[in-house]
Amino acid sequence: MGDIFFDLGNFAHHHRLNEEQVDNFLYEYFGEVTDKQYARLRLMWPMSELHESMWGTTQTGISKLEEDFQGYADLWFARFRTHVTDYRWEQWLKDVGKKSK
């Protein structure tokens, strides 16, 4: 969606990466893992989930297919809520605001 961290967050959420896998993923992509990079991925991860949620909600209203699009949206909204209520959320916001060295 125009931000590499949105794409990385999208990959991370679709593959349900754990903490160690996220660190490895960022290291392989950038050659290092900074607090700011980690925070940007963790903040964009739920934005990608929100994108999936809104797609499901839209399909509920416009699709002619016999699919449970609302159930799909509800699943992704629940995942979104889990991430934005993480106790580290405020720290990630601070970390992305720090100036790079």
PDB file of N, CA and C in Angstrom:
ATOM      1  N   MET A   1       0.831  -1.190   0.000  1.00  0.00           N
ATOM      2  CA  MET A   1       0.000   0.000   0.000  1.00  0.00           C
ATOM      3  C   MET A   1       0.877   1.257   0.000  1.00  0.00           C
ATOM      4  N   GLY A   2       2.103   1.158  -0.440  1.00  0.00           N
ATOM      5  CA  GLY A   2       2.970   2.322  -0.519  1.00  0.00           C
ATOM      6  C   GLY A   2       3.983   2.439   0.610  1.00  0.00           C
ATOM      7  N   ASP A   3       3.898   1.605   1.602  1.00  0.00           N
ATOM      8  CA  ASP A   3       4.845   1.619   2.717  1.00  0.00           C
ATOM      9  C   ASP A   3       5.377   0.196   2.869  1.00  0.00           C
ATOM     10  N   ILE A   4       6.684   0.047   2.773  1.00  0.00           N
ATOM     11  CA  ILE A   4       7.273  -1.290   2.849  1.00  0.00           C
ATOM     12  C   ILE A   4       6.874  -1.997   4.136  1.00  0.00           C
ATOM     13  N   PHE A   5       6.682  -1.255   5.214  1.00  0.00           N
ATOM     14  CA  PHE A   5       6.324  -1.893   6.477  1.00  0.00           C
ATOM     15  C   PHE A   5       4.876  -2.388   6.475  1.00  0.00           C
ATOM     16  N   PHE A   6       4.027  -1.775   5.654  1.00  0.00           N
ATOM     17  CA  PHE A   6       2.681  -2.332   5.479  1.00  0.00           C
ATOM     18  C   PHE A   6       2.798  -3.706   4.827  1.00  0.00           C
ATOM     19  N   ASP A   7       3.621  -3.783   3.789  1.00  0.00           N
ATOM     20  CA  ASP A   7       3.812  -5.062   3.097  1.00  0.00           C
ATOM     21  C   ASP A   7       4.457  -6.105   4.006  1.00  0.00           C
ATOM     22  N   LEU A   8       5.447  -5.696   4.793  1.00  0.00           N
ATOM     23  CA  LEU A   8       6.085  -6.629   5.723  1.00  0.00           C
ATOM     24  C   LEU A   8       5.093  -7.072   6.801  1.00  0.00           C
ATOM     25  N   GLY A   9       4.293  -6.136   7.290  1.00  0.00           N
ATOM     26  CA  GLY A   9       3.258  -6.476   8.269  1.00  0.00           C
ATOM     27  C   GLY A   9       2.220  -7.409   7.683  1.00  0.00           C
ATOM     28  N   ASN A  10       1.872  -7.183   6.413  1.00  0.00           N
ATOM     29  CA  ASN A  10       0.926  -8.055   5.724  1.00  0.00           C
ATOM     30  C   ASN A  10       1.470  -9.478   5.647  1.00  0.00           C
ATOM     31  N   PHE A  11       2.730  -9.607   5.287  1.00  0.00           N
ATOM     32  CA  PHE A  11       3.367 -10.927   5.227  1.00  0.00           C
ATOM     33  C   PHE A  11       3.360 -11.574   6.610  1.00  0.00           C
ATOM     34  N   ALA A  12       3.750 -10.784   7.621  1.00  0.00           N
ATOM     35  CA  ALA A  12       3.841 -11.308   8.987  1.00  0.00           C
ATOM     36  C   ALA A  12       2.483 -11.784   9.492  1.00  0.00           C
ATOM     37  N   HIS A  13       1.431 -11.031   9.208  1.00  0.00           N
ATOM     38  CA  HIS A  13       0.125 -11.444   9.730  1.00  0.00           C
ATOM     39  C   HIS A  13      -0.427 -12.637   8.961  1.00  0.00           C
ATOM     40  N   HIS A  14      -0.222 -12.670   7.661  1.00  0.00           N
ATOM     41  CA  HIS A  14      -0.729 -13.820   6.895  1.00  0.00           C
ATOM     42  C   HIS A  14      -0.001 -15.112   7.257  1.00  0.00           C
ATOM     43  N   HIS A  15       1.249 -14.987   7.659  1.00  0.00           N
ATOM     44  CA  HIS A  15       2.036 -16.173   8.031  1.00  0.00           C
ATOM     45  C   HIS A  15       2.070 -16.398   9.537  1.00  0.00           C
ATOM     46  N   ARG A  16       1.369 -15.516  10.275  1.00  0.00           N
ATOM     47  CA  ARG A  16       1.234 -15.661  11.738  1.00  0.00           C
ATOM     48  C   ARG A  16       2.604 -15.858  12.403  1.00  0.00           C
ATOM     49  N   LEU A  17       3.556 -14.968  12.060  1.00  0.00           N
ATOM     50  CA  LEU A  17       4.906 -15.084  12.594  1.00  0.00           C
ATOM     51  C   LEU A  17       4.919 -14.843  14.095  1.00  0.00           C
ATOM     52  N   ASN A  18       5.761 -15.604  14.791  1.00  0.00           N
ATOM     53  CA  ASN A  18       5.957 -15.374  16.224  1.00  0.00           C
ATOM     54  C   ASN A  18       7.082 -14.343  16.395  1.00  0.00           C
ATOM     55  N   GLU A  19       7.371 -13.985  17.647  1.00  0.00           N
ATOM     56  CA  GLU A  19       8.361 -12.937  17.927  1.00  0.00           C
ATOM     57  C   GLU A  19       9.733 -13.252  17.313  1.00  0.00           C
ATOM     58  N   GLU A  20      10.189 -14.471  17.510  1.00  0.00           N
ATOM     59  CA  GLU A  20      11.498 -14.860  16.969  1.00  0.00           C
ATOM     60  C   GLU A  20      11.488 -14.793  15.444  1.00  0.00           C
ATOM     61  N   GLN A  21      10.417 -15.238  14.837  1.00  0.00           N
ATOM     62  CA  GLN A  21      10.318 -15.201  13.381  1.00  0.00           C
ATOM     63  C   GLN A  21      10.279 -13.768  12.861  1.00  0.00           C
ATOM     64  N   VAL A  22       9.619 -12.875  13.588  1.00  0.00           N
ATOM     65  CA  VAL A  22       9.595 -11.466  13.192  1.00  0.00           C
ATOM     66  C   VAL A  22      11.011 -10.894  13.227  1.00  0.00           C
ATOM     67  N   ASP A  23      11.747 -11.171  14.295  1.00  0.00           N
ATOM     68  CA  ASP A  23      13.135 -10.707  14.380  1.00  0.00           C
ATOM     69  C   ASP A  23      13.972 -11.261  13.228  1.00  0.00           C
ATOM     70  N   ASN A  24      13.849 -12.542  12.959  1.00  0.00           N
ATOM     71  CA  ASN A  24      14.606 -13.154  11.858  1.00  0.00           C
ATOM     72  C   ASN A  24      14.209 -12.554  10.516  1.00  0.00           C
ATOM     73  N   PHE A  25      12.924 -12.349  10.326  1.00  0.00           N
ATOM     74  CA  PHE A  25      12.394 -11.773   9.091  1.00  0.00           C
ATOM     75  C   PHE A  25      12.991 -10.382   8.854  1.00  0.00           C
ATOM     76  N   LEU A  26      12.949  -9.544   9.877  1.00  0.00           N
ATOM     77  CA  LEU A  26      13.513  -8.193   9.739  1.00  0.00           C
ATOM     78  C   LEU A  26      15.020  -8.237   9.512  1.00  0.00           C
ATOM     79  N   TYR A  27      15.704  -9.129  10.222  1.00  0.00           N
ATOM     80  CA  TYR A  27      17.159  -9.240  10.037  1.00  0.00           C
ATOM     81  C   TYR A  27      17.494  -9.648   8.605  1.00  0.00           C
ATOM     82  N   GLU A  28      16.783 -10.619   8.087  1.00  0.00           N
ATOM     83  CA  GLU A  28      17.050 -11.079   6.711  1.00  0.00           C
ATOM     84  C   GLU A  28      16.710  -9.995   5.695  1.00  0.00           C
ATOM     85  N   TYR A  29      15.718  -9.183   5.980  1.00  0.00           N
ATOM     86  CA  TYR A  29      15.311  -8.146   5.039  1.00  0.00           C
ATOM     87  C   TYR A  29      16.251  -6.941   5.078  1.00  0.00           C
ATOM     88  N   PHE A  30      16.627  -6.501   6.293  1.00  0.00           N
ATOM     89  CA  PHE A  30      17.413  -5.274   6.440  1.00  0.00           C
ATOM     90  C   PHE A  30      18.868  -5.498   6.839  1.00  0.00           C
ATOM     91  N   GLY A  31      19.226  -6.694   7.293  1.00  0.00           N
ATOM     92  CA  GLY A  31      20.585  -6.949   7.756  1.00  0.00           C
ATOM     93  C   GLY A  31      20.812  -6.537   9.196  1.00  0.00           C
ATOM     94  N   GLU A  32      19.775  -6.034   9.841  1.00  0.00           N
ATOM     95  CA  GLU A  32      19.794  -5.657  11.248  1.00  0.00           C
ATOM     96  C   GLU A  32      18.351  -5.531  11.705  1.00  0.00           C
ATOM     97  N   VAL A  33      18.184  -5.431  13.008  1.00  0.00           N
ATOM     98  CA  VAL A  33      16.848  -5.201  13.568  1.00  0.00           C
ATOM     99  C   VAL A  33      16.959  -4.050  14.556  1.00  0.00           C
ATOM    100  N   THR A  34      16.332  -2.932  14.204  1.00  0.00           N
ATOM    101  CA  THR A  34      16.312  -1.793  15.116  1.00  0.00           C
ATOM    102  C   THR A  34      14.951  -1.732  15.805  1.00  0.00           C
ATOM    103  N   ASP A  35      14.906  -1.022  16.933  1.00  0.00           N
ATOM    104  CA  ASP A  35      13.629  -0.844  17.634  1.00  0.00           C
ATOM    105  C   ASP A  35      12.611  -0.166  16.726  1.00  0.00           C
ATOM    106  N   LYS A  36      13.071   0.801  15.936  1.00  0.00           N
ATOM    107  CA  LYS A  36      12.169   1.545  15.055  1.00  0.00           C
ATOM    108  C   LYS A  36      11.607   0.635  13.961  1.00  0.00           C
ATOM    109  N   GLN A  37      12.446  -0.192  13.362  1.00  0.00           N
ATOM    110  CA  GLN A  37      11.960  -1.125  12.334  1.00  0.00           C
ATOM    111  C   GLN A  37      10.950  -2.098  12.930  1.00  0.00           C
ATOM    112  N   TYR A  38      11.290  -2.644  14.071  1.00  0.00           N
ATOM    113  CA  TYR A  38      10.391  -3.591  14.728  1.00  0.00           C
ATOM    114  C   TYR A  38       9.051  -2.926  15.033  1.00  0.00           C
ATOM    115  N   ALA A  39       9.113  -1.714  15.574  1.00  0.00           N
ATOM    116  CA  ALA A  39       7.882  -1.002  15.923  1.00  0.00           C
ATOM    117  C   ALA A  39       7.054  -0.692  14.679  1.00  0.00           C
ATOM    118  N   ARG A  40       7.686  -0.275  13.612  1.00  0.00           N
ATOM    119  CA  ARG A  40       6.937   0.018  12.384  1.00  0.00           C
ATOM    120  C   ARG A  40       6.223  -1.220  11.870  1.00  0.00           C
ATOM    121  N   LEU A  41       6.901  -2.360  11.880  1.00  0.00           N
ATOM    122  CA  LEU A  41       6.237  -3.597  11.452  1.00  0.00           C
ATOM    123  C   LEU A  41       5.067  -3.914  12.375  1.00  0.00           C
ATOM    124  N   ARG A  42       5.280  -3.810  13.683  1.00  0.00           N
ATOM    125  CA  ARG A  42       4.223  -4.165  14.636  1.00  0.00           C
ATOM    126  C   ARG A  42       3.030  -3.209  14.565  1.00  0.00           C
ATOM    127  N   LEU A  43       3.249  -1.966  14.167  1.00  0.00           N
ATOM    128  CA  LEU A  43       2.139  -1.028  14.000  1.00  0.00           C
ATOM    129  C   LEU A  43       1.416  -1.234  12.673  1.00  0.00           C
ATOM    130  N   MET A  44       2.136  -1.638  11.664  1.00  0.00           N
ATOM    131  CA  MET A  44       1.506  -1.861  10.357  1.00  0.00           C
ATOM    132  C   MET A  44       0.819  -3.221  10.276  1.00  0.00           C
ATOM    133  N   TRP A  45       1.248  -4.161  11.077  1.00  0.00           N
ATOM    134  CA  TRP A  45       0.636  -5.493  11.101  1.00  0.00           C
ATOM    135  C   TRP A  45      -0.878  -5.381  11.285  1.00  0.00           C
ATOM    136  N   PRO A  46      -1.355  -4.707  12.335  1.00  0.00           N
ATOM    137  CA  PRO A  46      -2.813  -4.613  12.494  1.00  0.00           C
ATOM    138  C   PRO A  46      -3.474  -3.732  11.435  1.00  0.00           C
ATOM    139  N   MET A  47      -2.730  -2.798  10.830  1.00  0.00           N
ATOM    140  CA  MET A  47      -3.325  -2.006   9.751  1.00  0.00           C
ATOM    141  C   MET A  47      -3.641  -2.909   8.557  1.00  0.00           C
ATOM    142  N   SER A  48      -2.786  -3.889   8.335  1.00  0.00           N
ATOM    143  CA  SER A  48      -3.045  -4.864   7.278  1.00  0.00           C
ATOM    144  C   SER A  48      -4.258  -5.720   7.626  1.00  0.00           C
ATOM    145  N   GLU A  49      -4.388  -6.057   8.903  1.00  0.00           N
ATOM    146  CA  GLU A  49      -5.556  -6.833   9.342  1.00  0.00           C
ATOM    147  C   GLU A  49      -6.837  -6.009   9.215  1.00  0.00           C
ATOM    148  N   LEU A  50      -6.735  -4.712   9.485  1.00  0.00           N
ATOM    149  CA  LEU A  50      -7.887  -3.834   9.306  1.00  0.00           C
ATOM    150  C   LEU A  50      -8.287  -3.775   7.823  1.00  0.00           C
ATOM    151  N   HIS A  51      -7.298  -3.752   6.970  1.00  0.00           N
ATOM    152  CA  HIS A  51      -7.553  -3.784   5.525  1.00  0.00           C
ATOM    153  C   HIS A  51      -8.338  -5.040   5.151  1.00  0.00           C
ATOM    154  N   GLU A  52      -7.928  -6.190   5.671  1.00  0.00           N
ATOM    155  CA  GLU A  52      -8.650  -7.447   5.408  1.00  0.00           C
ATOM    156  C   GLU A  52     -10.079  -7.372   5.952  1.00  0.00           C
ATOM    157  N   SER A  53     -10.225  -6.801   7.142  1.00  0.00           N
ATOM    158  CA  SER A  53     -11.544  -6.665   7.763  1.00  0.00           C
ATOM    159  C   SER A  53     -12.477  -5.836   6.902  1.00  0.00           C
ATOM    160  N   MET A  54     -11.966  -4.720   6.417  1.00  0.00           N
ATOM    161  CA  MET A  54     -12.791  -3.833   5.614  1.00  0.00           C
ATOM    162  C   MET A  54     -13.138  -4.465   4.266  1.00  0.00           C
ATOM    163  N   TRP A  55     -12.235  -5.258   3.716  1.00  0.00           N
ATOM    164  CA  TRP A  55     -12.540  -5.977   2.482  1.00  0.00           C
ATOM    165  C   TRP A  55     -13.719  -6.920   2.724  1.00  0.00           C
ATOM    166  N   GLY A  56     -13.680  -7.665   3.823  1.00  0.00           N
ATOM    167  CA  GLY A  56     -14.772  -8.580   4.150  1.00  0.00           C
ATOM    168  C   GLY A  56     -16.083  -7.852   4.369  1.00  0.00           C
ATOM    169  N   THR A  57     -16.006  -6.715   5.043  1.00  0.00           N
ATOM    170  CA  THR A  57     -17.211  -5.921   5.283  1.00  0.00           C
ATOM    171  C   THR A  57     -17.795  -5.419   3.969  1.00  0.00           C
ATOM    172  N   THR A  58     -16.937  -4.938   3.092  1.00  0.00           N
ATOM    173  CA  THR A  58     -17.397  -4.473   1.780  1.00  0.00           C
ATOM    174  C   THR A  58     -18.036  -5.607   0.998  1.00  0.00           C
ATOM    175  N   GLN A  59     -17.404  -6.774   1.005  1.00  0.00           N
ATOM    176  CA  GLN A  59     -17.951  -7.917   0.271  1.00  0.00           C
ATOM    177  C   GLN A  59     -19.318  -8.344   0.813  1.00  0.00           C
ATOM    178  N   THR A  60     -19.513  -8.157   2.116  1.00  0.00           N
ATOM    179  CA  THR A  60     -20.807  -8.485   2.717  1.00  0.00           C
ATOM    180  C   THR A  60     -21.921  -7.708   2.035  1.00  0.00           C
ATOM    181  N   GLY A  61     -21.621  -6.476   1.661  1.00  0.00           N
ATOM    182  CA  GLY A  61     -22.628  -5.623   1.042  1.00  0.00           C
ATOM    183  C   GLY A  61     -22.748  -5.738  -0.457  1.00  0.00           C
ATOM    184  N   ILE A  62     -21.675  -6.128  -1.142  1.00  0.00           N
ATOM    185  CA  ILE A  62     -21.716  -6.075  -2.610  1.00  0.00           C
ATOM    186  C   ILE A  62     -21.618  -7.428  -3.315  1.00  0.00           C
ATOM    187  N   SER A  63     -21.101  -8.435  -2.629  1.00  0.00           N
ATOM    188  CA  SER A  63     -20.858  -9.712  -3.298  1.00  0.00           C
ATOM    189  C   SER A  63     -22.152 -10.495  -3.514  1.00  0.00           C
ATOM    190  N   LYS A  64     -22.210 -11.183  -4.633  1.00  0.00           N
ATOM    191  CA  LYS A  64     -23.326 -12.083  -4.944  1.00  0.00           C
ATOM    192  C   LYS A  64     -22.991 -13.528  -4.575  1.00  0.00           C
ATOM    193  N   LEU A  65     -21.776 -13.762  -4.086  1.00  0.00           N
ATOM    194  CA  LEU A  65     -21.348 -15.107  -3.721  1.00  0.00           C
ATOM    195  C   LEU A  65     -21.957 -15.524  -2.394  1.00  0.00           C
ATOM    196  N   GLU A  66     -22.181 -16.800  -2.241  1.00  0.00           N
ATOM    197  CA  GLU A  66     -22.701 -17.357  -0.988  1.00  0.00           C
ATOM    198  C   GLU A  66     -21.520 -17.706  -0.071  1.00  0.00           C
ATOM    199  N   GLU A  67     -20.908 -16.688   0.446  1.00  0.00           N
ATOM    200  CA  GLU A  67     -19.764 -16.842   1.353  1.00  0.00           C
ATOM    201  C   GLU A  67     -20.054 -16.080   2.637  1.00  0.00           C
ATOM    202  N   ASP A  68     -19.406 -16.471   3.722  1.00  0.00           N
ATOM    203  CA  ASP A  68     -19.580 -15.788   4.993  1.00  0.00           C
ATOM    204  C   ASP A  68     -18.560 -14.658   5.102  1.00  0.00           C
ATOM    205  N   PHE A  69     -18.778 -13.619   4.327  1.00  0.00           N
ATOM    206  CA  PHE A  69     -17.844 -12.496   4.338  1.00  0.00           C
ATOM    207  C   PHE A  69     -17.866 -11.761   5.678  1.00  0.00           C
ATOM    208  N   GLN A  70     -19.018 -11.726   6.332  1.00  0.00           N
ATOM    209  CA  GLN A  70     -19.063 -11.066   7.639  1.00  0.00           C
ATOM    210  C   GLN A  70     -18.251 -11.852   8.667  1.00  0.00           C
ATOM    211  N   GLY A  71     -18.314 -13.170   8.596  1.00  0.00           N
ATOM    212  CA  GLY A  71     -17.488 -13.994   9.472  1.00  0.00           C
ATOM    213  C   GLY A  71     -16.009 -13.753   9.220  1.00  0.00           C
ATOM    214  N   TYR A  72     -15.637 -13.615   7.943  1.00  0.00           N
ATOM    215  CA  TYR A  72     -14.260 -13.310   7.565  1.00  0.00           C
ATOM    216  C   TYR A  72     -13.851 -11.959   8.165  1.00  0.00           C
ATOM    217  N   ALA A  73     -14.709 -10.963   8.005  1.00  0.00           N
ATOM    218  CA  ALA A  73     -14.420  -9.636   8.547  1.00  0.00           C
ATOM    219  C   ALA A  73     -14.291  -9.692  10.069  1.00  0.00           C
ATOM    220  N   ASP A  74     -15.196 -10.403  10.715  1.00  0.00           N
ATOM    221  CA  ASP A  74     -15.161 -10.504  12.176  1.00  0.00           C
ATOM    222  C   ASP A  74     -13.864 -11.137  12.664  1.00  0.00           C
ATOM    223  N   LEU A  75     -13.386 -12.160  11.964  1.00  0.00           N
ATOM    224  CA  LEU A  75     -12.118 -12.798  12.314  1.00  0.00           C
ATOM    225  C   LEU A  75     -10.981 -11.785  12.278  1.00  0.00           C
ATOM    226  N   TRP A  76     -10.902 -11.014  11.195  1.00  0.00           N
ATOM    227  CA  TRP A  76      -9.811 -10.057  11.040  1.00  0.00           C
ATOM    228  C   TRP A  76      -9.960  -8.870  11.981  1.00  0.00           C
ATOM    229  N   PHE A  77     -11.206  -8.438  12.271  1.00  0.00           N
ATOM    230  CA  PHE A  77     -11.393  -7.382  13.266  1.00  0.00           C
ATOM    231  C   PHE A  77     -10.900  -7.844  14.638  1.00  0.00           C
ATOM    232  N   ALA A  78     -11.159  -9.096  14.982  1.00  0.00           N
ATOM    233  CA  ALA A  78     -10.704  -9.628  16.276  1.00  0.00           C
ATOM    234  C   ALA A  78      -9.179  -9.653  16.340  1.00  0.00           C
ATOM    235  N   ARG A  79      -8.540 -10.057  15.260  1.00  0.00           N
ATOM    236  CA  ARG A  79      -7.068 -10.060  15.228  1.00  0.00           C
ATOM    237  C   ARG A  79      -6.534  -8.640  15.338  1.00  0.00           C
ATOM    238  N   PHE A  80      -7.176  -7.700  14.643  1.00  0.00           N
ATOM    239  CA  PHE A  80      -6.800  -6.290  14.722  1.00  0.00           C
ATOM    240  C   PHE A  80      -6.865  -5.801  16.168  1.00  0.00           C
ATOM    241  N   ARG A  81      -7.982  -6.086  16.845  1.00  0.00           N
ATOM    242  CA  ARG A  81      -8.145  -5.644  18.234  1.00  0.00           C
ATOM    243  C   ARG A  81      -7.077  -6.232  19.142  1.00  0.00           C
ATOM    244  N   THR A  82      -6.712  -7.484  18.908  1.00  0.00           N
ATOM    245  CA  THR A  82      -5.674  -8.113  19.722  1.00  0.00           C
ATOM    246  C   THR A  82      -4.364  -7.336  19.629  1.00  0.00           C
ATOM    247  N   HIS A  83      -4.028  -6.909  18.437  1.00  0.00           N
ATOM    248  CA  HIS A  83      -2.749  -6.213  18.250  1.00  0.00           C
ATOM    249  C   HIS A  83      -2.773  -4.785  18.785  1.00  0.00           C
ATOM    250  N   VAL A  84      -3.865  -4.059  18.556  1.00  0.00           N
ATOM    251  CA  VAL A  84      -3.875  -2.657  19.000  1.00  0.00           C
ATOM    252  C   VAL A  84      -4.092  -2.520  20.505  1.00  0.00           C
ATOM    253  N   THR A  85      -4.431  -3.604  21.162  1.00  0.00           N
ATOM    254  CA  THR A  85      -4.537  -3.570  22.621  1.00  0.00           C
ATOM    255  C   THR A  85      -3.335  -4.221  23.297  1.00  0.00           C
ATOM    256  N   ASP A  86      -2.319  -4.575  22.520  1.00  0.00           N
ATOM    257  CA  ASP A  86      -1.085  -5.139  23.069  1.00  0.00           C
ATOM    258  C   ASP A  86      -0.469  -4.122  24.028  1.00  0.00           C
ATOM    259  N   TYR A  87       0.010  -4.578  25.154  1.00  0.00           N
ATOM    260  CA  TYR A  87       0.577  -3.678  26.165  1.00  0.00           C
ATOM    261  C   TYR A  87       1.779  -2.896  25.636  1.00  0.00           C
ATOM    262  N   ARG A  88       2.389  -3.319  24.526  1.00  0.00           N
ATOM    263  CA  ARG A  88       3.562  -2.650  23.967  1.00  0.00           C
ATOM    264  C   ARG A  88       3.204  -1.565  22.950  1.00  0.00           C
ATOM    265  N   TRP A  89       1.922  -1.418  22.639  1.00  0.00           N
ATOM    266  CA  TRP A  89       1.474  -0.492  21.596  1.00  0.00           C
ATOM    267  C   TRP A  89       2.035   0.920  21.797  1.00  0.00           C
ATOM    268  N   GLU A  90       1.909   1.459  22.999  1.00  0.00           N
ATOM    269  CA  GLU A  90       2.380   2.819  23.270  1.00  0.00           C
ATOM    270  C   GLU A  90       3.897   2.938  23.068  1.00  0.00           C
ATOM    271  N   GLN A  91       4.634   1.904  23.463  1.00  0.00           N
ATOM    272  CA  GLN A  91       6.085   1.935  23.267  1.00  0.00           C
ATOM    273  C   GLN A  91       6.430   1.904  21.776  1.00  0.00           C
ATOM    274  N   TRP A  92       5.703   1.124  21.007  1.00  0.00           N
ATOM    275  CA  TRP A  92       5.951   1.085  19.561  1.00  0.00           C
ATOM    276  C   TRP A  92       5.691   2.448  18.936  1.00  0.00           C
ATOM    277  N   LEU A  93       4.660   3.131  19.389  1.00  0.00           N
ATOM    278  CA  LEU A  93       4.379   4.478  18.886  1.00  0.00           C
ATOM    279  C   LEU A  93       5.550   5.417  19.199  1.00  0.00           C
ATOM    280  N   LYS A  94       6.098   5.289  20.394  1.00  0.00           N
ATOM    281  CA  LYS A  94       7.257   6.110  20.773  1.00  0.00           C
ATOM    282  C   LYS A  94       8.470   5.745  19.917  1.00  0.00           C
ATOM    283  N   ASP A  95       8.681   4.449  19.715  1.00  0.00           N
ATOM    284  CA  ASP A  95       9.849   3.989  18.967  1.00  0.00           C
ATOM    285  C   ASP A  95       9.826   4.459  17.517  1.00  0.00           C
ATOM    286  N   VAL A  96       8.666   4.495  16.886  1.00  0.00           N
ATOM    287  CA  VAL A  96       8.633   4.962  15.486  1.00  0.00           C
ATOM    288  C   VAL A  96       8.852   6.461  15.394  1.00  0.00           C
ATOM    289  N   GLY A  97       8.589   7.171  16.493  1.00  0.00           N
ATOM    290  CA  GLY A  97       8.789   8.618  16.496  1.00  0.00           C
ATOM    291  C   GLY A  97      10.214   9.051  16.747  1.00  0.00           C
ATOM    292  N   LYS A  98      11.064   8.121  17.160  1.00  0.00           N
ATOM    293  CA  LYS A  98      12.469   8.460  17.443  1.00  0.00           C
ATOM    294  C   LYS A  98      13.206   8.746  16.146  1.00  0.00           C
ATOM    295  N   LYS A  99      14.102   9.700  16.225  1.00  0.00           N
ATOM    296  CA  LYS A  99      14.946  10.012  15.064  1.00  0.00           C
ATOM    297  C   LYS A  99      15.973   8.915  14.873  1.00  0.00           C
ATOM    298  N   SER A 100      16.196   8.551  13.621  1.00  0.00           N
ATOM    299  CA  SER A 100      17.202   7.527  13.312  1.00  0.00           C
ATOM    300  C   SER A 100      18.587   8.115  13.505  1.00  0.00           C
ATOM    301  N   LYS A 101      19.490   7.237  13.920  1.00  0.00           N
ATOM    302  CA  LYS A 101      20.881   7.668  14.152  1.00  0.00           C
ATOM    303  C   LYS A 101      21.675   7.595  12.877  1.00  0.00           C
TER     304      LYS A 101
END
